[in-house]
Amino acid sequence: MVVYCRKNKLDHNRLGLTASVKLGHAVVRNRARRRLREVYRLNAHRLREGYDLILVARGRTVTASWKELNDSFLRLCRKLGLLEETV
């Protein structure tokens, strides 16, 4: 998975999802987008507000376990500085 982000000057986040035709047929692409949407939904409360995020599905997105997807998403968000600081 790839995560792109940019500040949006709003008080909430916006999410974009994309899956290339190279990933497979429509059923496969839709499944990849559903999985990415769910990973975002489960972790949205941990993210800073005011960003546009685009999640790009890659080949492993469809076959990876939920733990791998979740860990990958959190790792990328931490790398981009999107995770809220918990005190």
PDB file of N, CA and C in Angstrom:
ATOM      1  N   MET A   1       0.845  -1.170   0.000  1.00  0.00           N
ATOM      2  CA  MET A   1       0.000   0.000   0.000  1.00  0.00           C
ATOM      3  C   MET A   1       0.891   1.233   0.000  1.00  0.00           C
ATOM      4  N   VAL A   2       0.379   2.279  -0.616  1.00  0.00           N
ATOM      5  CA  VAL A   2       1.069   3.565  -0.641  1.00  0.00           C
ATOM      6  C   VAL A   2       0.119   4.593  -0.058  1.00  0.00           C
ATOM      7  N   VAL A   3       0.649   5.512   0.753  1.00  0.00           N
ATOM      8  CA  VAL A   3      -0.165   6.575   1.338  1.00  0.00           C
ATOM      9  C   VAL A   3       0.404   7.921   0.916  1.00  0.00           C
ATOM     10  N   TYR A   4      -0.449   8.751   0.323  1.00  0.00           N
ATOM     11  CA  TYR A   4      -0.099  10.135   0.010  1.00  0.00           C
ATOM     12  C   TYR A   4      -0.926  11.020   0.930  1.00  0.00           C
ATOM     13  N   CYS A   5      -0.355  12.125   1.395  1.00  0.00           N
ATOM     14  CA  CYS A   5      -1.130  13.023   2.242  1.00  0.00           C
ATOM     15  C   CYS A   5      -0.730  14.465   1.964  1.00  0.00           C
ATOM     16  N   ARG A   6      -1.687  15.348   2.265  1.00  0.00           N
ATOM     17  CA  ARG A   6      -1.461  16.787   2.112  1.00  0.00           C
ATOM     18  C   ARG A   6      -2.436  17.504   3.041  1.00  0.00           C
ATOM     19  N   LYS A   7      -1.999  18.593   3.649  1.00  0.00           N
ATOM     20  CA  LYS A   7      -2.889  19.382   4.492  1.00  0.00           C
ATOM     21  C   LYS A   7      -4.022  19.929   3.646  1.00  0.00           C
ATOM     22  N   ASN A   8      -5.246  19.986   4.221  1.00  0.00           N
ATOM     23  CA  ASN A   8      -6.384  20.449   3.448  1.00  0.00           C
ATOM     24  C   ASN A   8      -7.058  21.701   4.011  1.00  0.00           C
ATOM     25  N   LYS A   9      -6.529  22.271   5.095  1.00  0.00           N
ATOM     26  CA  LYS A   9      -7.061  23.494   5.712  1.00  0.00           C
ATOM     27  C   LYS A   9      -8.502  23.337   6.177  1.00  0.00           C
ATOM     28  N   LEU A  10      -8.928  22.117   6.446  1.00  0.00           N
ATOM     29  CA  LEU A  10     -10.254  21.835   6.984  1.00  0.00           C
ATOM     30  C   LEU A  10     -10.084  21.248   8.380  1.00  0.00           C
ATOM     31  N   ASP A  11     -11.188  21.073   9.086  1.00  0.00           N
ATOM     32  CA  ASP A  11     -11.113  20.506  10.427  1.00  0.00           C
ATOM     33  C   ASP A  11     -11.403  19.005  10.442  1.00  0.00           C
ATOM     34  N   HIS A  12     -11.334  18.373   9.268  1.00  0.00           N
ATOM     35  CA  HIS A  12     -11.546  16.933   9.180  1.00  0.00           C
ATOM     36  C   HIS A  12     -10.681  16.364   8.051  1.00  0.00           C
ATOM     37  N   ASN A  13     -10.547  15.054   8.068  1.00  0.00           N
ATOM     38  CA  ASN A  13      -9.768  14.363   7.033  1.00  0.00           C
ATOM     39  C   ASN A  13     -10.677  13.947   5.890  1.00  0.00           C
ATOM     40  N   ARG A  14     -10.085  13.835   4.712  1.00  0.00           N
ATOM     41  CA  ARG A  14     -10.793  13.281   3.558  1.00  0.00           C
ATOM     42  C   ARG A  14      -9.976  12.115   3.038  1.00  0.00           C
ATOM     43  N   LEU A  15     -10.662  11.112   2.520  1.00  0.00           N
ATOM     44  CA  LEU A  15     -10.009   9.884   2.087  1.00  0.00           C
ATOM     45  C   LEU A  15     -10.274   9.636   0.613  1.00  0.00           C
ATOM     46  N   GLY A  16      -9.231   9.264  -0.107  1.00  0.00           N
ATOM     47  CA  GLY A  16      -9.349   8.828  -1.489  1.00  0.00           C
ATOM     48  C   GLY A  16      -8.733   7.448  -1.610  1.00  0.00           C
ATOM     49  N   LEU A  17      -9.344   6.601  -2.409  1.00  0.00           N
ATOM     50  CA  LEU A  17      -8.864   5.236  -2.603  1.00  0.00           C
ATOM     51  C   LEU A  17      -8.688   4.988  -4.085  1.00  0.00           C
ATOM     52  N   THR A  18      -7.638   4.273  -4.435  1.00  0.00           N
ATOM     53  CA  THR A  18      -7.440   3.942  -5.835  1.00  0.00           C
ATOM     54  C   THR A  18      -6.825   2.548  -5.950  1.00  0.00           C
ATOM     55  N   ALA A  19      -7.242   1.852  -7.001  1.00  0.00           N
ATOM     56  CA  ALA A  19      -6.713   0.523  -7.299  1.00  0.00           C
ATOM     57  C   ALA A  19      -6.573   0.429  -8.815  1.00  0.00           C
ATOM     58  N   SER A  20      -5.393   0.171  -9.281  1.00  0.00           N
ATOM     59  CA  SER A  20      -5.100   0.126 -10.708  1.00  0.00           C
ATOM     60  C   SER A  20      -5.732  -1.098 -11.373  1.00  0.00           C
ATOM     61  N   VAL A  21      -5.973  -0.989 -12.668  1.00  0.00           N
ATOM     62  CA  VAL A  21      -6.486  -2.110 -13.458  1.00  0.00           C
ATOM     63  C   VAL A  21      -5.493  -3.269 -13.421  1.00  0.00           C
ATOM     64  N   LYS A  22      -4.230  -2.961 -13.233  1.00  0.00           N
ATOM     65  CA  LYS A  22      -3.192  -3.997 -13.164  1.00  0.00           C
ATOM     66  C   LYS A  22      -3.412  -4.940 -11.987  1.00  0.00           C
ATOM     67  N   LEU A  23      -4.181  -4.497 -11.000  1.00  0.00           N
ATOM     68  CA  LEU A  23      -4.430  -5.304  -9.812  1.00  0.00           C
ATOM     69  C   LEU A  23      -5.297  -6.519 -10.125  1.00  0.00           C
ATOM     70  N   GLY A  24      -6.208  -6.379 -11.076  1.00  0.00           N
ATOM     71  CA  GLY A  24      -7.081  -7.497 -11.432  1.00  0.00           C
ATOM     72  C   GLY A  24      -8.413  -6.990 -11.930  1.00  0.00           C
ATOM     73  N   HIS A  25      -9.376  -7.899 -12.008  1.00  0.00           N
ATOM     74  CA  HIS A  25     -10.722  -7.554 -12.464  1.00  0.00           C
ATOM     75  C   HIS A  25     -11.433  -6.692 -11.424  1.00  0.00           C
ATOM     76  N   ALA A  26     -12.629  -6.214 -11.768  1.00  0.00           N
ATOM     77  CA  ALA A  26     -13.373  -5.293 -10.917  1.00  0.00           C
ATOM     78  C   ALA A  26     -13.617  -5.851  -9.519  1.00  0.00           C
ATOM     79  N   VAL A  27     -13.899  -7.128  -9.424  1.00  0.00           N
ATOM     80  CA  VAL A  27     -14.157  -7.740  -8.116  1.00  0.00           C
ATOM     81  C   VAL A  27     -12.929  -7.626  -7.221  1.00  0.00           C
ATOM     82  N   VAL A  28     -11.759  -7.869  -7.774  1.00  0.00           N
ATOM     83  CA  VAL A  28     -10.505  -7.802  -7.020  1.00  0.00           C
ATOM     84  C   VAL A  28     -10.209  -6.364  -6.607  1.00  0.00           C
ATOM     85  N   ARG A  29     -10.385  -5.431  -7.532  1.00  0.00           N
ATOM     86  CA  ARG A  29     -10.130  -4.016  -7.230  1.00  0.00           C
ATOM     87  C   ARG A  29     -11.089  -3.500  -6.162  1.00  0.00           C
ATOM     88  N   ASN A  30     -12.366  -3.877  -6.264  1.00  0.00           N
ATOM     89  CA  ASN A  30     -13.344  -3.442  -5.266  1.00  0.00           C
ATOM     90  C   ASN A  30     -13.031  -4.012  -3.890  1.00  0.00           C
ATOM     91  N   ARG A  31     -12.595  -5.258  -3.861  1.00  0.00           N
ATOM     92  CA  ARG A  31     -12.227  -5.865  -2.584  1.00  0.00           C
ATOM     93  C   ARG A  31     -11.041  -5.129  -1.966  1.00  0.00           C
ATOM     94  N   ALA A  32     -10.047  -4.789  -2.778  1.00  0.00           N
ATOM     95  CA  ALA A  32      -8.883  -4.050  -2.287  1.00  0.00           C
ATOM     96  C   ALA A  32      -9.310  -2.696  -1.713  1.00  0.00           C
ATOM     97  N   ARG A  33     -10.196  -1.998  -2.417  1.00  0.00           N
ATOM     98  CA  ARG A  33     -10.680  -0.703  -1.921  1.00  0.00           C
ATOM     99  C   ARG A  33     -11.475  -0.859  -0.630  1.00  0.00           C
ATOM    100  N   ARG A  34     -12.301  -1.895  -0.528  1.00  0.00           N
ATOM    101  CA  ARG A  34     -13.060  -2.135   0.700  1.00  0.00           C
ATOM    102  C   ARG A  34     -12.133  -2.385   1.882  1.00  0.00           C
ATOM    103  N   ARG A  35     -11.084  -3.179   1.643  1.00  0.00           N
ATOM    104  CA  ARG A  35     -10.137  -3.483   2.717  1.00  0.00           C
ATOM    105  C   ARG A  35      -9.407  -2.226   3.173  1.00  0.00           C
ATOM    106  N   LEU A  36      -8.988  -1.388   2.231  1.00  0.00           N
ATOM    107  CA  LEU A  36      -8.302  -0.140   2.588  1.00  0.00           C
ATOM    108  C   LEU A  36      -9.243   0.803   3.325  1.00  0.00           C
ATOM    109  N   ARG A  37     -10.484   0.874   2.893  1.00  0.00           N
ATOM    110  CA  ARG A  37     -11.464   1.745   3.553  1.00  0.00           C
ATOM    111  C   ARG A  37     -11.685   1.307   4.999  1.00  0.00           C
ATOM    112  N   GLU A  38     -11.730   0.005   5.225  1.00  0.00           N
ATOM    113  CA  GLU A  38     -11.942  -0.512   6.572  1.00  0.00           C
ATOM    114  C   GLU A  38     -10.726  -0.261   7.459  1.00  0.00           C
ATOM    115  N   VAL A  39      -9.534  -0.422   6.923  1.00  0.00           N
ATOM    116  CA  VAL A  39      -8.320  -0.135   7.697  1.00  0.00           C
ATOM    117  C   VAL A  39      -8.308   1.333   8.108  1.00  0.00           C
ATOM    118  N   TYR A  40      -8.686   2.220   7.192  1.00  0.00           N
ATOM    119  CA  TYR A  40      -8.756   3.643   7.528  1.00  0.00           C
ATOM    120  C   TYR A  40      -9.822   3.884   8.595  1.00  0.00           C
ATOM    121  N   ARG A  41     -11.007   3.305   8.420  1.00  0.00           N
ATOM    122  CA  ARG A  41     -12.105   3.525   9.355  1.00  0.00           C
ATOM    123  C   ARG A  41     -11.734   3.115  10.783  1.00  0.00           C
ATOM    124  N   LEU A  42     -11.043   1.976  10.907  1.00  0.00           N
ATOM    125  CA  LEU A  42     -10.671   1.483  12.226  1.00  0.00           C
ATOM    126  C   LEU A  42      -9.599   2.328  12.899  1.00  0.00           C
ATOM    127  N   ASN A  43      -8.834   3.091  12.118  1.00  0.00           N
ATOM    128  CA  ASN A  43      -7.737   3.877  12.681  1.00  0.00           C
ATOM    129  C   ASN A  43      -7.933   5.387  12.558  1.00  0.00           C
ATOM    130  N   ALA A  44      -9.071   5.836  12.055  1.00  0.00           N
ATOM    131  CA  ALA A  44      -9.300   7.259  11.813  1.00  0.00           C
ATOM    132  C   ALA A  44      -9.191   8.084  13.092  1.00  0.00           C
ATOM    133  N   HIS A  45      -9.618   7.519  14.216  1.00  0.00           N
ATOM    134  CA  HIS A  45      -9.578   8.264  15.480  1.00  0.00           C
ATOM    135  C   HIS A  45      -8.146   8.527  15.953  1.00  0.00           C
ATOM    136  N   ARG A  46      -7.178   7.814  15.425  1.00  0.00           N
ATOM    137  CA  ARG A  46      -5.777   7.972  15.829  1.00  0.00           C
ATOM    138  C   ARG A  46      -5.026   8.996  14.985  1.00  0.00           C
ATOM    139  N   LEU A  47      -5.652   9.484  13.902  1.00  0.00           N
ATOM    140  CA  LEU A  47      -4.972  10.369  12.966  1.00  0.00           C
ATOM    141  C   LEU A  47      -5.207  11.837  13.288  1.00  0.00           C
ATOM    142  N   ARG A  48      -4.244  12.662  12.932  1.00  0.00           N
ATOM    143  CA  ARG A  48      -4.405  14.114  13.064  1.00  0.00           C
ATOM    144  C   ARG A  48      -5.477  14.579  12.101  1.00  0.00           C
ATOM    145  N   GLU A  49      -6.150  15.657  12.463  1.00  0.00           N
ATOM    146  CA  GLU A  49      -7.215  16.216  11.632  1.00  0.00           C
ATOM    147  C   GLU A  49      -6.646  17.215  10.630  1.00  0.00           C
ATOM    148  N   GLY A  50      -7.330  17.372   9.500  1.00  0.00           N
ATOM    149  CA  GLY A  50      -6.955  18.388   8.531  1.00  0.00           C
ATOM    150  C   GLY A  50      -6.065  17.899   7.405  1.00  0.00           C
ATOM    151  N   TYR A  51      -6.211  16.646   6.999  1.00  0.00           N
ATOM    152  CA  TYR A  51      -5.388  16.089   5.933  1.00  0.00           C
ATOM    153  C   TYR A  51      -6.253  15.402   4.878  1.00  0.00           C
ATOM    154  N   ASP A  52      -5.791  15.443   3.652  1.00  0.00           N
ATOM    155  CA  ASP A  52      -6.338  14.620   2.577  1.00  0.00           C
ATOM    156  C   ASP A  52      -5.413  13.420   2.452  1.00  0.00           C
ATOM    157  N   LEU A  53      -5.964  12.232   2.502  1.00  0.00           N
ATOM    158  CA  LEU A  53      -5.177  11.013   2.368  1.00  0.00           C
ATOM    159  C   LEU A  53      -5.627  10.255   1.135  1.00  0.00           C
ATOM    160  N   ILE A  54      -4.667   9.742   0.395  1.00  0.00           N
ATOM    161  CA  ILE A  54      -4.961   8.870  -0.734  1.00  0.00           C
ATOM    162  C   ILE A  54      -4.251   7.549  -0.466  1.00  0.00           C
ATOM    163  N   LEU A  55      -5.023   6.484  -0.446  1.00  0.00           N
ATOM    164  CA  LEU A  55      -4.470   5.146  -0.250  1.00  0.00           C
ATOM    165  C   LEU A  55      -4.478   4.436  -1.591  1.00  0.00           C
ATOM    166  N   VAL A  56      -3.315   3.947  -1.993  1.00  0.00           N
ATOM    167  CA  VAL A  56      -3.164   3.263  -3.275  1.00  0.00           C
ATOM    168  C   VAL A  56      -2.967   1.773  -3.002  1.00  0.00           C
ATOM    169  N   ALA A  57      -3.840   0.968  -3.565  1.00  0.00           N
ATOM    170  CA  ALA A  57      -3.758  -0.488  -3.388  1.00  0.00           C
ATOM    171  C   ALA A  57      -2.643  -1.049  -4.266  1.00  0.00           C
ATOM    172  N   ARG A  58      -1.873  -1.934  -3.697  1.00  0.00           N
ATOM    173  CA  ARG A  58      -0.846  -2.666  -4.435  1.00  0.00           C
ATOM    174  C   ARG A  58      -1.213  -4.145  -4.420  1.00  0.00           C
ATOM    175  N   GLY A  59      -0.415  -4.963  -5.057  1.00  0.00           N
ATOM    176  CA  GLY A  59      -0.726  -6.386  -5.217  1.00  0.00           C
ATOM    177  C   GLY A  59      -1.004  -7.133  -3.941  1.00  0.00           C
ATOM    178  N   ARG A  60      -0.261  -6.868  -2.890  1.00  0.00           N
ATOM    179  CA  ARG A  60      -0.424  -7.602  -1.637  1.00  0.00           C
ATOM    180  C   ARG A  60      -1.654  -7.157  -0.850  1.00  0.00           C
ATOM    181  N   THR A  61      -2.258  -6.042  -1.235  1.00  0.00           N
ATOM    182  CA  THR A  61      -3.416  -5.529  -0.502  1.00  0.00           C
ATOM    183  C   THR A  61      -4.550  -6.547  -0.462  1.00  0.00           C
ATOM    184  N   VAL A  62      -4.733  -7.281  -1.536  1.00  0.00           N
ATOM    185  CA  VAL A  62      -5.833  -8.236  -1.621  1.00  0.00           C
ATOM    186  C   VAL A  62      -5.545  -9.490  -0.807  1.00  0.00           C
ATOM    187  N   THR A  63      -4.299  -9.934  -0.780  1.00  0.00           N
ATOM    188  CA  THR A  63      -3.967 -11.206  -0.139  1.00  0.00           C
ATOM    189  C   THR A  63      -3.409 -11.062   1.271  1.00  0.00           C
ATOM    190  N   ALA A  64      -3.010  -9.875   1.665  1.00  0.00           N
ATOM    191  CA  ALA A  64      -2.400  -9.678   2.983  1.00  0.00           C
ATOM    192  C   ALA A  64      -3.432  -9.875   4.084  1.00  0.00           C
ATOM    193  N   SER A  65      -2.955 -10.298   5.250  1.00  0.00           N
ATOM    194  CA  SER A  65      -3.854 -10.453   6.392  1.00  0.00           C
ATOM    195  C   SER A  65      -4.237  -9.072   6.920  1.00  0.00           C
ATOM    196  N   TRP A  66      -5.301  -9.043   7.745  1.00  0.00           N
ATOM    197  CA  TRP A  66      -5.733  -7.766   8.327  1.00  0.00           C
ATOM    198  C   TRP A  66      -4.627  -7.171   9.183  1.00  0.00           C
ATOM    199  N   LYS A  67      -3.915  -8.004   9.911  1.00  0.00           N
ATOM    200  CA  LYS A  67      -2.836  -7.505  10.769  1.00  0.00           C
ATOM    201  C   LYS A  67      -1.744  -6.849   9.931  1.00  0.00           C
ATOM    202  N   GLU A  68      -1.376  -7.484   8.823  1.00  0.00           N
ATOM    203  CA  GLU A  68      -0.348  -6.904   7.952  1.00  0.00           C
ATOM    204  C   GLU A  68      -0.811  -5.570   7.370  1.00  0.00           C
ATOM    205  N   LEU A  69      -2.064  -5.508   6.915  1.00  0.00           N
ATOM    206  CA  LEU A  69      -2.593  -4.255   6.360  1.00  0.00           C
ATOM    207  C   LEU A  69      -2.620  -3.156   7.410  1.00  0.00           C
ATOM    208  N   ASN A  70      -3.122  -3.497   8.587  1.00  0.00           N
ATOM    209  CA  ASN A  70      -3.210  -2.515   9.662  1.00  0.00           C
ATOM    210  C   ASN A  70      -1.828  -2.028  10.078  1.00  0.00           C
ATOM    211  N   ASP A  71      -0.893  -2.945  10.259  1.00  0.00           N
ATOM    212  CA  ASP A  71       0.470  -2.575  10.648  1.00  0.00           C
ATOM    213  C   ASP A  71       1.129  -1.716   9.578  1.00  0.00           C
ATOM    214  N   SER A  72       0.918  -2.060   8.325  1.00  0.00           N
ATOM    215  CA  SER A  72       1.483  -1.281   7.227  1.00  0.00           C
ATOM    216  C   SER A  72       0.914   0.132   7.210  1.00  0.00           C
ATOM    217  N   PHE A  73      -0.404   0.252   7.384  1.00  0.00           N
ATOM    218  CA  PHE A  73      -1.041   1.565   7.395  1.00  0.00           C
ATOM    219  C   PHE A  73      -0.514   2.421   8.545  1.00  0.00           C
ATOM    220  N   LEU A  74      -0.444   1.846   9.734  1.00  0.00           N
ATOM    221  CA  LEU A  74       0.041   2.599  10.894  1.00  0.00           C
ATOM    222  C   LEU A  74       1.506   2.983  10.747  1.00  0.00           C
ATOM    223  N   ARG A  75       2.302   2.083  10.186  1.00  0.00           N
ATOM    224  CA  ARG A  75       3.723   2.384   9.978  1.00  0.00           C
ATOM    225  C   ARG A  75       3.887   3.557   9.023  1.00  0.00           C
ATOM    226  N   LEU A  76       3.114   3.549   7.925  1.00  0.00           N
ATOM    227  CA  LEU A  76       3.204   4.628   6.943  1.00  0.00           C
ATOM    228  C   LEU A  76       2.695   5.945   7.520  1.00  0.00           C
ATOM    229  N   CYS A  77       1.624   5.901   8.290  1.00  0.00           N
ATOM    230  CA  CYS A  77       1.099   7.122   8.905  1.00  0.00           C
ATOM    231  C   CYS A  77       2.078   7.685   9.931  1.00  0.00           C
ATOM    232  N   ARG A  78       2.714   6.796  10.681  1.00  0.00           N
ATOM    233  CA  ARG A  78       3.716   7.243  11.654  1.00  0.00           C
ATOM    234  C   ARG A  78       4.888   7.901  10.923  1.00  0.00           C
ATOM    235  N   LYS A  79       5.292   7.325   9.816  1.00  0.00           N
ATOM    236  CA  LYS A  79       6.396   7.852   9.016  1.00  0.00           C
ATOM    237  C   LYS A  79       6.060   9.248   8.471  1.00  0.00           C
ATOM    238  N   LEU A  80       4.783   9.457   8.111  1.00  0.00           N
ATOM    239  CA  LEU A  80       4.341  10.747   7.579  1.00  0.00           C
ATOM    240  C   LEU A  80       3.991  11.744   8.687  1.00  0.00           C
ATOM    241  N   GLY A  81       3.999  11.310   9.933  1.00  0.00           N
ATOM    242  CA  GLY A  81       3.677  12.194  11.041  1.00  0.00           C
ATOM    243  C   GLY A  81       2.187  12.453  11.183  1.00  0.00           C
ATOM    244  N   LEU A  82       1.361  11.502  10.770  1.00  0.00           N
ATOM    245  CA  LEU A  82      -0.095  11.674  10.814  1.00  0.00           C
ATOM    246  C   LEU A  82      -0.720  11.166  12.115  1.00  0.00           C
ATOM    247  N   LEU A  83      -0.003  10.367  12.882  1.00  0.00           N
ATOM    248  CA  LEU A  83      -0.578   9.813  14.102  1.00  0.00           C
ATOM    249  C   LEU A  83      -0.554  10.846  15.211  1.00  0.00           C
ATOM    250  N   GLU A  84      -1.659  10.927  15.972  1.00  0.00           N
ATOM    251  CA  GLU A  84      -1.743  11.809  17.137  1.00  0.00           C
ATOM    252  C   GLU A  84      -0.758  11.326  18.182  1.00  0.00           C
ATOM    253  N   GLU A  85      -0.194  12.285  18.887  1.00  0.00           N
ATOM    254  CA  GLU A  85       0.698  11.955  19.998  1.00  0.00           C
ATOM    255  C   GLU A  85      -0.148  11.568  21.194  1.00  0.00           C
ATOM    256  N   THR A  86       0.047  10.378  21.731  1.00  0.00           N
ATOM    257  CA  THR A  86      -0.688   9.949  22.907  1.00  0.00           C
ATOM    258  C   THR A  86       0.174  10.184  24.127  1.00  0.00           C
ATOM    259  N   VAL A  87      -0.405  10.831  25.122  1.00  0.00           N
ATOM    260  CA  VAL A  87       0.353  11.174  26.317  1.00  0.00           C
ATOM    261  C   VAL A  87      -0.141  10.379  27.489  1.00  0.00           C
TER     262      VAL A  87
END
